[in-house]
Amino acid sequence: MSQTETKKMTPSRRDFIVGGAAAAAVAAWSAKSYAAIPGANDRVRTAIVGAGDRMKGALIPAFAVNQKKMNFEFVAVADLWSRRREEAVAYVQKVAGTKIDTCRNTDELYARKDVDAVLIATADFQHAIMGAAAVNAGRDAYVEKPTADRMEDARLFRDAVHKTGKIVQVGTQRRSTPSYMRAYDYIRSGKFGDINMVELTWNVNQPARWRRPDVVPLLKEQDTDWKRYLLNRPYEPFDARKYLEFRLFYPYSSGIPDQWLVHQIDTVHWFTGYPHPRSVVANGGIYQWHDGRTNWDTLTAVFDYGPLDDLSKGFQVLFTSRQTNSAGDVKEIYYSNGGSLNMDTQKVTSEGGLKAGAAHAMNMKPNLLEDFSLGDVEKVSNEANTGSDPMTVANMLNWMECVRSRKTPNASIEAGYSHSIALCMCVASIRTGKKVTFDDAKQQVLAGGQPYV
């Protein structure tokens, strides 16, 4: 984002949403009363923030699967659009068997005393600000990915979680998925060897992906709160497409990085322990779907990982994604000198490993991994909303368990902050065309050596 765009922001609006109203709610919410929530016999009363496609298509069903076992229940929904509030009431009644109340916004929601926790699935750019508001208002939160694609928002959210001590689960559900947990254990055991390359692919061929042609004509400015929707983004006149098809338009989303890269790059961080890339370069464009969008339909990004003090060590991550041809589907393949780990098949093989002939020429020993399977595979779906899929169900259950135990969830705020750095670096490269690095001391993205804001 340019410095001119930054000056156009309205921090006073964000400060009010995150600080003013939330602080008032906290004042009425004693720490002692909230501390009683994790009790085994205390029902955790949960509200919905943002009742769009992801909430209805994935989070509400995953919550409903776990609610009886964990003694959670829905009590309210907050959404800026009146139509979505009413649809959420009917949907929750159908799926979770509960009649819930409606709130026009989170100020109204957090003024209530019967809300202990929230599920947040708003537009991409709102996640961090909404998450910070929730924890500042004394509520635990399940917050959809991406955490943030701007560093100021990522810092705001992380600082709020650290300050309040609330339980936050990020929606990067691979971290709660058994097949990925097994792969993590295997890689961290050292048996795989040092990772020297990772290939990530996410391809679809869906002209309607992220489009909402049936719903856009139904949204009228008088039925929502456009200025509140914008939060800290620069003001512009009401646009129903940017409200409902936000994934196609910067600065409301970065599109492919926010939606797909985030899942796979988060796994790289988890498996390797690196908190962010050393550098990122990205290229791409809008090559097929010329429908007014501003976010690319095709992206190739190269990430360099490794110790900052030793550039001779590390590995490269190649991420490719296109919305114009689905060949290749979704893939995550990790390579070492001895072979590969394919997360699509959960198989470790010696393919590509150092064979005897090649090793002998350098007086080295062969290096070939033993072929074996890590176990059953949880198929990664290309569908936008996957209902009560096992991955989201598991992530939701882990969050519920941590709300009661007060332990750190699998997809913690630190994981969200880490993937946010990678996203911000990728976005900076997309926006500037430059090689992007990260200043650890200042927690700042650098494009071509200069601060990027």
Protein backbone atom coordinates (compact mmCIF):
# COMPACT_ATOMS: atom_id res chain seq x y z
CA MET A 1 0.00 0.00 0.00
CA SER A 2 1.34 3.45 -0.86
CA GLN A 3 2.06 6.16 1.69
CA THR A 4 -0.73 8.21 0.12
CA GLU A 5 -3.21 5.41 0.73
CA THR A 6 -1.95 5.05 4.29
CA LYS A 7 -2.60 8.74 4.98
CA LYS A 8 -6.18 8.28 3.82
CA MET A 9 -6.88 5.66 6.49
CA THR A 10 -9.17 6.45 9.37
CA PRO A 11 -7.41 5.11 12.46
CA SER A 12 -9.90 6.90 14.69
CA ARG A 13 -12.67 4.61 13.40
CA ARG A 14 -10.57 1.51 14.04
CA ASP A 15 -9.51 2.83 17.44
CA PHE A 16 -13.17 3.31 18.33
CA ILE A 17 -14.19 -0.17 17.20
CA VAL A 18 -11.24 -1.95 18.81
CA GLY A 19 -10.73 0.32 21.76
CA GLY A 20 -13.75 2.43 22.70
CA ALA A 21 -16.74 0.14 22.44
CA ALA A 22 -14.74 -2.93 23.34
CA ALA A 23 -13.23 -1.24 26.37
CA ALA A 24 -16.70 -0.30 27.56
CA ALA A 25 -17.79 -3.90 27.24
CA VAL A 26 -14.75 -5.09 29.16
CA ALA A 27 -15.50 -2.66 31.97
CA ALA A 28 -18.86 -4.35 32.44
CA TRP A 29 -17.36 -7.81 32.21
CA SER A 30 -15.46 -8.78 35.33
CA ALA A 31 -12.43 -11.03 35.02
CA LYS A 32 -13.77 -13.23 37.80
CA SER A 33 -17.08 -13.92 36.10
CA TYR A 34 -15.39 -14.76 32.80
CA ALA A 35 -12.90 -17.06 34.49
CA ALA A 36 -15.77 -19.42 35.31
CA ILE A 37 -16.41 -20.26 31.64
CA PRO A 38 -14.07 -23.25 31.29
CA GLY A 39 -15.91 -25.23 33.96
CA ALA A 40 -17.11 -28.62 32.72
CA ASN A 41 -20.74 -27.82 33.58
CA ASP A 42 -20.78 -24.28 32.23
CA ARG A 43 -22.22 -23.84 28.77
CA VAL A 44 -20.05 -21.66 26.53
CA ARG A 45 -22.40 -19.21 24.85
CA THR A 46 -21.07 -18.41 21.41
CA ALA A 47 -21.91 -15.73 18.85
CA ILE A 48 -21.38 -15.50 15.11
CA VAL A 49 -19.55 -12.49 13.63
CA GLY A 50 -20.00 -12.37 9.88
CA ALA A 51 -22.66 -14.73 8.54
CA GLY A 52 -21.39 -15.16 5.00
CA ASP A 53 -20.52 -18.18 2.90
CA ARG A 54 -17.58 -19.45 4.95
CA MET A 55 -19.46 -19.18 8.22
CA LYS A 56 -22.52 -21.00 6.93
CA GLY A 57 -20.65 -23.41 4.69
CA ALA A 58 -18.01 -24.57 7.15
CA LEU A 59 -17.81 -23.04 10.64
CA ILE A 60 -21.43 -23.39 11.75
CA PRO A 61 -21.58 -27.07 10.64
CA ALA A 62 -18.23 -27.80 12.35
CA PHE A 63 -19.46 -26.10 15.51
CA ALA A 64 -22.72 -28.06 15.40
CA VAL A 65 -20.84 -31.38 15.20
CA ASN A 66 -18.95 -30.57 18.42
CA GLN A 67 -21.41 -28.46 20.40
CA LYS A 68 -23.15 -31.19 22.41
CA LYS A 69 -19.95 -32.96 23.39
CA MET A 70 -18.27 -29.72 24.47
CA ASN A 71 -21.39 -28.01 25.90
CA PHE A 72 -21.28 -24.99 23.58
CA GLU A 73 -24.30 -23.23 22.10
CA PHE A 74 -25.05 -20.39 19.69
CA VAL A 75 -26.83 -17.38 21.19
CA ALA A 76 -26.48 -14.51 18.72
CA VAL A 77 -25.29 -13.33 15.31
CA ALA A 78 -23.76 -9.99 14.34
CA ASP A 79 -23.66 -9.01 10.68
CA LEU A 80 -23.85 -5.62 9.02
CA TRP A 81 -26.31 -6.81 6.35
CA SER A 82 -29.87 -7.33 7.57
CA ARG A 83 -30.50 -10.13 5.07
CA ARG A 84 -27.58 -12.20 6.34
CA ARG A 85 -28.64 -11.76 9.95
CA GLU A 86 -32.06 -13.19 9.24
CA GLU A 87 -30.68 -16.00 7.08
CA ALA A 88 -28.27 -16.92 9.88
CA VAL A 89 -31.11 -17.21 12.38
CA ALA A 90 -32.90 -19.72 10.15
CA TYR A 91 -29.71 -21.62 9.31
CA VAL A 92 -28.56 -21.99 12.91
CA GLN A 93 -32.03 -23.16 13.90
CA LYS A 94 -31.82 -25.82 11.18
CA VAL A 95 -28.22 -26.98 11.72
CA ALA A 96 -27.64 -26.42 15.43
CA GLY A 97 -31.20 -26.49 16.74
CA THR A 98 -30.95 -23.11 18.50
CA LYS A 99 -32.95 -19.89 18.19
CA ILE A 100 -30.48 -17.00 18.23
CA ASP A 101 -30.75 -13.22 18.56
CA THR A 102 -29.50 -10.68 16.02
CA CYS A 103 -27.13 -7.71 16.43
CA ARG A 104 -26.45 -5.07 13.81
CA ASN A 105 -22.75 -4.87 14.66
CA THR A 106 -20.15 -5.98 17.18
CA ASP A 107 -20.76 -2.95 19.42
CA GLU A 108 -24.24 -4.29 20.08
CA LEU A 109 -22.93 -7.83 20.40
CA TYR A 110 -20.22 -7.09 22.96
CA ALA A 111 -22.62 -5.02 25.05
CA ARG A 112 -24.43 -8.30 25.82
CA LYS A 113 -23.53 -10.28 28.92
CA ASP A 114 -24.53 -13.66 27.50
CA VAL A 115 -21.71 -14.00 24.95
CA ASP A 116 -18.61 -15.86 26.08
CA ALA A 117 -16.92 -16.58 22.75
CA VAL A 118 -17.25 -15.78 19.04
CA LEU A 119 -16.68 -17.31 15.62
CA ILE A 120 -15.37 -14.70 13.17
CA ALA A 121 -15.60 -15.15 9.39
CA THR A 122 -15.81 -11.65 7.95
CA ALA A 123 -14.05 -10.24 4.87
CA ASP A 124 -10.33 -11.05 4.71
CA PHE A 125 -9.10 -7.56 5.61
CA GLN A 126 -11.32 -7.44 8.71
CA HIS A 127 -10.10 -10.59 10.50
CA ALA A 128 -7.32 -9.06 12.59
CA ILE A 129 -9.29 -5.97 13.58
CA MET A 130 -12.37 -8.03 14.45
CA GLY A 131 -10.21 -10.52 16.35
CA ALA A 132 -8.60 -7.75 18.37
CA ALA A 133 -12.02 -6.27 19.17
CA ALA A 134 -13.27 -9.66 20.35
CA VAL A 135 -10.44 -10.39 22.77
CA ASN A 136 -10.39 -6.80 24.01
CA ALA A 137 -14.08 -7.28 24.80
CA GLY A 138 -13.18 -10.32 26.92
CA ARG A 139 -14.21 -13.05 24.48
CA ASP A 140 -12.32 -16.07 23.20
CA ALA A 141 -12.40 -16.32 19.43
CA TYR A 142 -12.13 -18.67 16.46
CA VAL A 143 -10.95 -16.38 13.65
CA GLU A 144 -10.87 -17.43 10.02
CA LYS A 145 -7.72 -17.15 7.97
CA PRO A 146 -5.93 -15.13 6.78
CA THR A 147 -4.98 -13.42 10.01
CA ALA A 148 -3.78 -10.29 8.19
CA ASP A 149 -2.15 -9.14 4.97
CA ARG A 150 -0.95 -5.86 6.48
CA MET A 151 1.61 -5.83 9.27
CA GLU A 152 -0.08 -3.10 11.33
CA ASP A 153 -3.22 -5.25 11.53
CA ALA A 154 -1.23 -8.37 12.39
CA ARG A 155 0.59 -6.54 15.19
CA LEU A 156 -2.67 -5.10 16.50
CA PHE A 157 -4.24 -8.55 16.82
CA ARG A 158 -1.22 -10.32 18.28
CA ASP A 159 -0.66 -7.58 20.86
CA ALA A 160 -4.31 -7.75 21.91
CA VAL A 161 -4.17 -11.53 22.39
CA HIS A 162 -0.97 -11.28 24.42
CA LYS A 163 -2.42 -8.50 26.56
CA THR A 164 -5.74 -10.18 27.29
CA GLY A 165 -4.67 -13.84 27.44
CA LYS A 166 -7.79 -14.90 25.55
CA ILE A 167 -7.93 -18.16 23.59
CA VAL A 168 -7.67 -17.61 19.84
CA GLN A 169 -7.70 -20.29 17.17
CA VAL A 170 -6.81 -19.31 13.60
CA GLY A 171 -8.61 -21.06 10.74
CA THR A 172 -5.55 -22.83 9.33
CA GLN A 173 -7.05 -26.23 10.00
CA ARG A 174 -4.15 -28.35 8.75
CA ARG A 175 -2.60 -27.88 12.20
CA SER A 176 -5.40 -29.96 13.72
CA THR A 177 -5.43 -32.60 10.98
CA PRO A 178 -3.97 -36.04 11.90
CA SER A 179 -2.23 -36.62 8.56
CA TYR A 180 -0.41 -33.30 8.81
CA MET A 181 0.43 -33.97 12.45
CA ARG A 182 2.04 -37.26 11.45
CA ALA A 183 4.03 -35.53 8.73
CA TYR A 184 5.16 -32.89 11.23
CA ASP A 185 6.39 -35.56 13.65
CA TYR A 186 8.23 -37.36 10.87
CA ILE A 187 10.00 -34.28 9.51
CA ARG A 188 10.91 -32.98 12.95
CA SER A 189 12.33 -36.40 13.90
CA GLY A 190 15.17 -35.79 11.45
CA LYS A 191 14.58 -39.00 9.51
CA PHE A 192 13.56 -37.10 6.39
CA GLY A 193 16.76 -35.07 6.32
CA ASP A 194 17.10 -31.37 5.64
CA ILE A 195 14.38 -29.94 3.41
CA ASN A 196 15.93 -28.45 0.28
CA MET A 197 12.81 -27.65 -1.77
CA VAL A 198 9.04 -27.43 -1.37
CA GLU A 199 6.60 -27.32 -4.28
CA LEU A 200 3.14 -25.92 -3.54
CA THR A 201 0.33 -25.92 -6.10
CA TRP A 202 -3.28 -24.72 -5.94
CA ASN A 203 -5.13 -24.80 -9.26
CA VAL A 204 -8.81 -24.49 -10.16
CA ASN A 205 -10.80 -23.71 -13.31
CA GLN A 206 -13.84 -21.93 -11.95
CA PRO A 207 -14.99 -18.67 -13.54
CA ALA A 208 -17.52 -18.26 -10.70
CA ARG A 209 -14.92 -18.71 -7.94
CA TRP A 210 -15.34 -15.79 -5.51
CA ARG A 211 -18.10 -14.31 -7.70
CA ARG A 212 -21.59 -13.76 -6.25
CA PRO A 213 -23.72 -12.74 -9.28
CA ASP A 214 -26.98 -13.91 -7.71
CA VAL A 215 -26.47 -11.98 -4.48
CA VAL A 216 -24.74 -8.75 -5.53
CA PRO A 217 -27.95 -7.20 -6.98
CA LEU A 218 -29.73 -7.85 -3.67
CA LEU A 219 -27.38 -5.79 -1.52
CA LYS A 220 -28.46 -2.16 -1.09
CA GLU A 221 -26.44 0.43 0.79
CA GLN A 222 -29.35 1.27 3.10
CA ASP A 223 -29.46 -2.36 4.28
CA THR A 224 -25.91 -2.38 5.62
CA ASP A 225 -23.25 -0.09 7.13
CA TRP A 226 -20.69 0.59 4.39
CA LYS A 227 -18.50 2.93 6.43
CA ARG A 228 -18.23 0.43 9.25
CA TYR A 229 -17.48 -2.29 6.71
CA LEU A 230 -14.44 -0.34 5.44
CA LEU A 231 -12.83 -0.17 8.90
CA ASN A 232 -9.29 1.15 8.31
CA ARG A 233 -9.32 0.94 4.51
CA PRO A 234 -9.52 4.18 2.49
CA TYR A 235 -13.04 5.48 1.95
CA GLU A 236 -14.66 4.93 -1.42
CA PRO A 237 -18.31 4.97 -2.52
CA PHE A 238 -20.48 1.94 -1.82
CA ASP A 239 -19.81 -1.01 -4.10
CA ALA A 240 -21.80 -4.23 -3.62
CA ARG A 241 -19.18 -6.26 -5.49
CA LYS A 242 -16.38 -5.16 -3.18
CA TYR A 243 -18.60 -5.99 -0.22
CA LEU A 244 -19.64 -9.47 -1.37
CA GLU A 245 -16.85 -10.37 -3.82
CA PHE A 246 -14.10 -8.88 -1.67
CA ARG A 247 -11.66 -11.69 -2.52
CA LEU A 248 -11.35 -10.25 -6.04
CA PHE A 249 -10.46 -6.72 -4.97
CA TYR A 250 -7.43 -5.20 -3.29
CA PRO A 251 -7.19 -3.83 -0.54
CA TYR A 252 -10.06 -5.93 0.80
CA SER A 253 -8.13 -9.11 0.01
CA SER A 254 -5.07 -10.16 -1.95
CA GLY A 255 -7.03 -13.03 -3.48
CA ILE A 256 -4.87 -16.09 -4.10
CA PRO A 257 -2.34 -15.36 -1.31
CA ASP A 258 -5.00 -14.65 1.32
CA GLN A 259 -7.17 -17.60 0.35
CA TRP A 260 -4.82 -20.41 -0.69
CA LEU A 261 -1.16 -19.59 -0.14
CA VAL A 262 -1.90 -19.00 3.53
CA HIS A 263 -2.78 -22.66 4.17
CA GLN A 264 0.26 -24.10 2.49
CA ILE A 265 2.85 -21.58 3.64
CA ASP A 266 1.57 -21.96 7.21
CA THR A 267 2.36 -25.67 6.96
CA VAL A 268 5.92 -24.83 5.84
CA HIS A 269 6.36 -22.68 8.94
CA TRP A 270 4.94 -25.41 11.15
CA PHE A 271 7.03 -28.23 9.72
CA THR A 272 10.31 -26.29 9.70
CA GLY A 273 10.05 -23.93 12.64
CA TYR A 274 10.95 -20.87 10.55
CA PRO A 275 8.70 -17.90 11.43
CA HIS A 276 8.87 -16.24 8.01
CA PRO A 277 10.74 -16.24 4.69
CA ARG A 278 14.09 -14.56 4.19
CA SER A 279 12.86 -13.17 0.87
CA VAL A 280 9.95 -13.33 -1.60
CA VAL A 281 9.59 -12.55 -5.29
CA ALA A 282 6.25 -12.82 -7.09
CA ASN A 283 4.93 -12.53 -10.64
CA GLY A 284 1.60 -13.03 -12.34
CA GLY A 285 -1.43 -11.20 -13.60
CA ILE A 286 -5.05 -11.31 -14.76
CA TYR A 287 -4.78 -13.46 -17.86
CA GLN A 288 -8.23 -15.03 -18.25
CA TRP A 289 -11.03 -13.61 -16.10
CA HIS A 290 -11.38 -9.96 -17.16
CA ASP A 291 -14.46 -9.28 -15.05
CA GLY A 292 -13.41 -6.10 -13.26
CA ARG A 293 -11.34 -7.81 -10.58
CA THR A 294 -8.05 -6.27 -9.45
CA ASN A 295 -6.49 -9.39 -7.87
CA TRP A 296 -4.54 -11.75 -10.11
CA ASP A 297 -6.00 -14.99 -11.47
CA THR A 298 -2.49 -16.46 -11.86
CA LEU A 299 0.42 -16.26 -9.42
CA THR A 300 3.91 -17.67 -9.13
CA ALA A 301 5.88 -16.79 -6.00
CA VAL A 302 9.28 -17.97 -4.83
CA PHE A 303 10.11 -17.93 -1.11
CA ASP A 304 13.58 -18.36 0.36
CA TYR A 305 13.80 -19.82 3.88
CA GLY A 306 16.71 -20.43 6.22
CA PRO A 307 18.85 -18.90 8.98
CA LEU A 308 19.30 -15.17 8.59
CA ASP A 309 22.93 -15.44 9.66
CA ASP A 310 23.87 -18.27 7.28
CA LEU A 311 22.71 -17.94 3.68
CA SER A 312 24.45 -21.23 2.77
CA LYS A 313 21.69 -23.09 4.60
CA GLY A 314 18.01 -23.16 3.79
CA PHE A 315 15.59 -24.11 1.05
CA GLN A 316 13.29 -22.70 -1.59
CA VAL A 317 9.50 -22.80 -1.72
CA LEU A 318 7.83 -22.53 -5.12
CA PHE A 319 4.13 -21.62 -4.99
CA THR A 320 2.08 -21.66 -8.18
CA SER A 321 -1.64 -21.05 -8.48
CA ARG A 322 -4.04 -20.42 -11.31
CA GLN A 323 -7.80 -20.03 -11.56
CA THR A 324 -7.79 -20.75 -15.28
CA ASN A 325 -6.89 -24.46 -15.55
CA SER A 326 -7.25 -27.09 -12.83
CA ALA A 327 -4.51 -29.47 -13.98
CA GLY A 328 -2.26 -30.24 -11.04
CA ASP A 329 -5.02 -29.62 -8.50
CA VAL A 330 -3.74 -29.04 -4.93
CA LYS A 331 -0.27 -30.38 -4.14
CA GLU A 332 2.32 -30.06 -1.37
CA ILE A 333 5.58 -31.92 -1.97
CA TYR A 334 8.61 -31.68 0.31
CA TYR A 335 12.04 -32.71 -0.99
CA SER A 336 15.25 -33.71 0.75
CA ASN A 337 18.46 -35.16 -0.67
CA GLY A 338 17.10 -38.63 0.08
CA GLY A 339 13.66 -38.40 -1.54
CA SER A 340 10.29 -36.74 -1.10
CA LEU A 341 7.18 -36.46 1.07
CA ASN A 342 3.95 -36.00 -0.87
CA MET A 343 1.21 -34.61 1.36
CA ASP A 344 -1.41 -35.47 -1.27
CA THR A 345 -0.70 -39.17 -0.86
CA GLN A 346 0.95 -39.13 2.59
CA LYS A 347 3.77 -41.20 1.11
CA VAL A 348 7.49 -40.92 1.68
CA THR A 349 9.49 -42.24 -1.28
CA SER A 350 13.11 -42.43 -2.40
CA GLU A 351 12.20 -40.83 -5.73
CA GLY A 352 14.81 -38.25 -6.62
CA GLY A 353 17.16 -39.33 -3.82
CA LEU A 354 20.92 -39.64 -4.19
CA LYS A 355 21.61 -42.95 -5.97
CA ALA A 356 24.74 -45.07 -5.76
CA GLY A 357 26.17 -44.12 -9.16
CA ALA A 358 25.90 -40.39 -8.60
CA ALA A 359 27.17 -40.69 -5.05
CA HIS A 360 30.17 -42.81 -6.01
CA ALA A 361 31.45 -40.16 -8.42
CA MET A 362 31.99 -37.86 -5.43
CA ASN A 363 33.09 -40.57 -2.99
CA MET A 364 29.80 -40.25 -1.15
CA LYS A 365 27.33 -42.80 0.14
CA PRO A 366 23.90 -43.21 -1.45
CA ASN A 367 21.09 -41.40 0.32
CA LEU A 368 17.71 -43.01 -0.31
CA LEU A 369 14.72 -42.79 1.99
CA GLU A 370 12.75 -45.91 2.81
CA ASP A 371 9.43 -45.97 0.97
CA PHE A 372 6.45 -46.02 3.33
CA SER A 373 3.06 -44.43 4.04
CA LEU A 374 2.40 -42.12 6.95
CA GLY A 375 -1.19 -43.36 7.15
CA ASP A 376 -4.67 -42.40 6.06
CA VAL A 377 -5.08 -39.24 4.01
CA GLU A 378 -7.55 -36.42 4.70
CA LYS A 379 -8.25 -35.15 1.21
CA VAL A 380 -7.79 -31.40 0.74
CA SER A 381 -10.86 -30.08 -1.03
CA ASN A 382 -10.84 -27.46 -3.77
CA GLU A 383 -14.41 -26.52 -2.93
CA ALA A 384 -15.01 -23.12 -1.34
CA ASN A 385 -17.24 -24.42 1.45
CA THR A 386 -16.81 -27.95 2.63
CA GLY A 387 -19.52 -28.35 5.24
CA SER A 388 -18.53 -30.39 8.27
CA ASP A 389 -15.25 -31.57 6.73
CA PRO A 390 -12.93 -33.45 9.11
CA MET A 391 -10.21 -30.80 9.01
CA THR A 392 -12.44 -27.91 10.09
CA VAL A 393 -14.29 -30.09 12.58
CA ALA A 394 -10.97 -31.05 14.20
CA ASN A 395 -9.78 -27.45 14.35
CA MET A 396 -13.07 -26.34 15.89
CA LEU A 397 -12.91 -29.13 18.48
CA ASN A 398 -9.35 -28.17 19.43
CA TRP A 399 -10.47 -24.57 19.96
CA MET A 400 -13.37 -25.65 22.14
CA GLU A 401 -11.10 -27.87 24.21
CA CYS A 402 -8.66 -25.01 24.69
CA VAL A 403 -11.42 -22.60 25.71
CA ARG A 404 -12.04 -24.99 28.59
CA SER A 405 -8.45 -25.97 29.40
CA ARG A 406 -6.94 -22.51 28.65
CA LYS A 407 -4.15 -24.23 26.75
CA THR A 408 -2.69 -22.78 23.55
CA PRO A 409 -4.62 -23.98 20.46
CA ASN A 410 -2.96 -25.79 17.57
CA ALA A 411 -3.35 -22.80 15.22
CA SER A 412 -2.35 -20.11 17.69
CA ILE A 413 -2.05 -16.37 17.23
CA GLU A 414 1.69 -16.88 16.75
CA ALA A 415 0.99 -19.18 13.80
CA GLY A 416 -1.38 -16.56 12.41
CA TYR A 417 1.16 -13.80 12.88
CA SER A 418 3.80 -15.91 11.16
CA HIS A 419 1.70 -16.62 8.09
CA SER A 420 0.75 -12.94 8.03
CA ILE A 421 4.40 -11.98 7.55
CA ALA A 422 4.67 -14.31 4.55
CA LEU A 423 1.42 -12.89 3.14
CA CYS A 424 2.54 -9.30 3.64
CA MET A 425 5.86 -10.04 1.94
CA CYS A 426 4.10 -11.69 -1.00
CA VAL A 427 1.61 -8.83 -1.33
CA ALA A 428 4.46 -6.30 -1.25
CA SER A 429 6.21 -8.12 -4.09
CA ILE A 430 2.96 -8.28 -6.08
CA ARG A 431 2.32 -4.57 -5.58
CA THR A 432 5.87 -3.34 -6.23
CA GLY A 433 7.43 -5.97 -8.50
CA LYS A 434 10.48 -6.01 -6.20
CA LYS A 435 12.31 -8.58 -4.14
CA VAL A 436 10.95 -8.35 -0.60
CA THR A 437 12.71 -9.04 2.69
CA PHE A 438 11.81 -8.63 6.36
CA ASP A 439 13.39 -6.54 9.12
CA ASP A 440 13.11 -8.66 12.27
CA ALA A 441 14.17 -5.87 14.60
CA LYS A 442 11.41 -3.54 13.39
CA GLN A 443 8.97 -6.28 12.33
CA GLN A 444 8.71 -4.48 9.02
CA VAL A 445 8.42 -5.57 5.40
CA LEU A 446 11.07 -4.18 3.05
CA ALA A 447 10.54 -3.93 -0.74
CA GLY A 448 13.77 -3.33 -2.57
CA GLY A 449 15.35 -2.50 0.79
CA GLN A 450 12.81 0.24 1.58
CA PRO A 451 9.95 0.06 4.16
CA TYR A 452 6.69 -1.05 2.60
CA VAL A 453 3.47 0.21 4.18
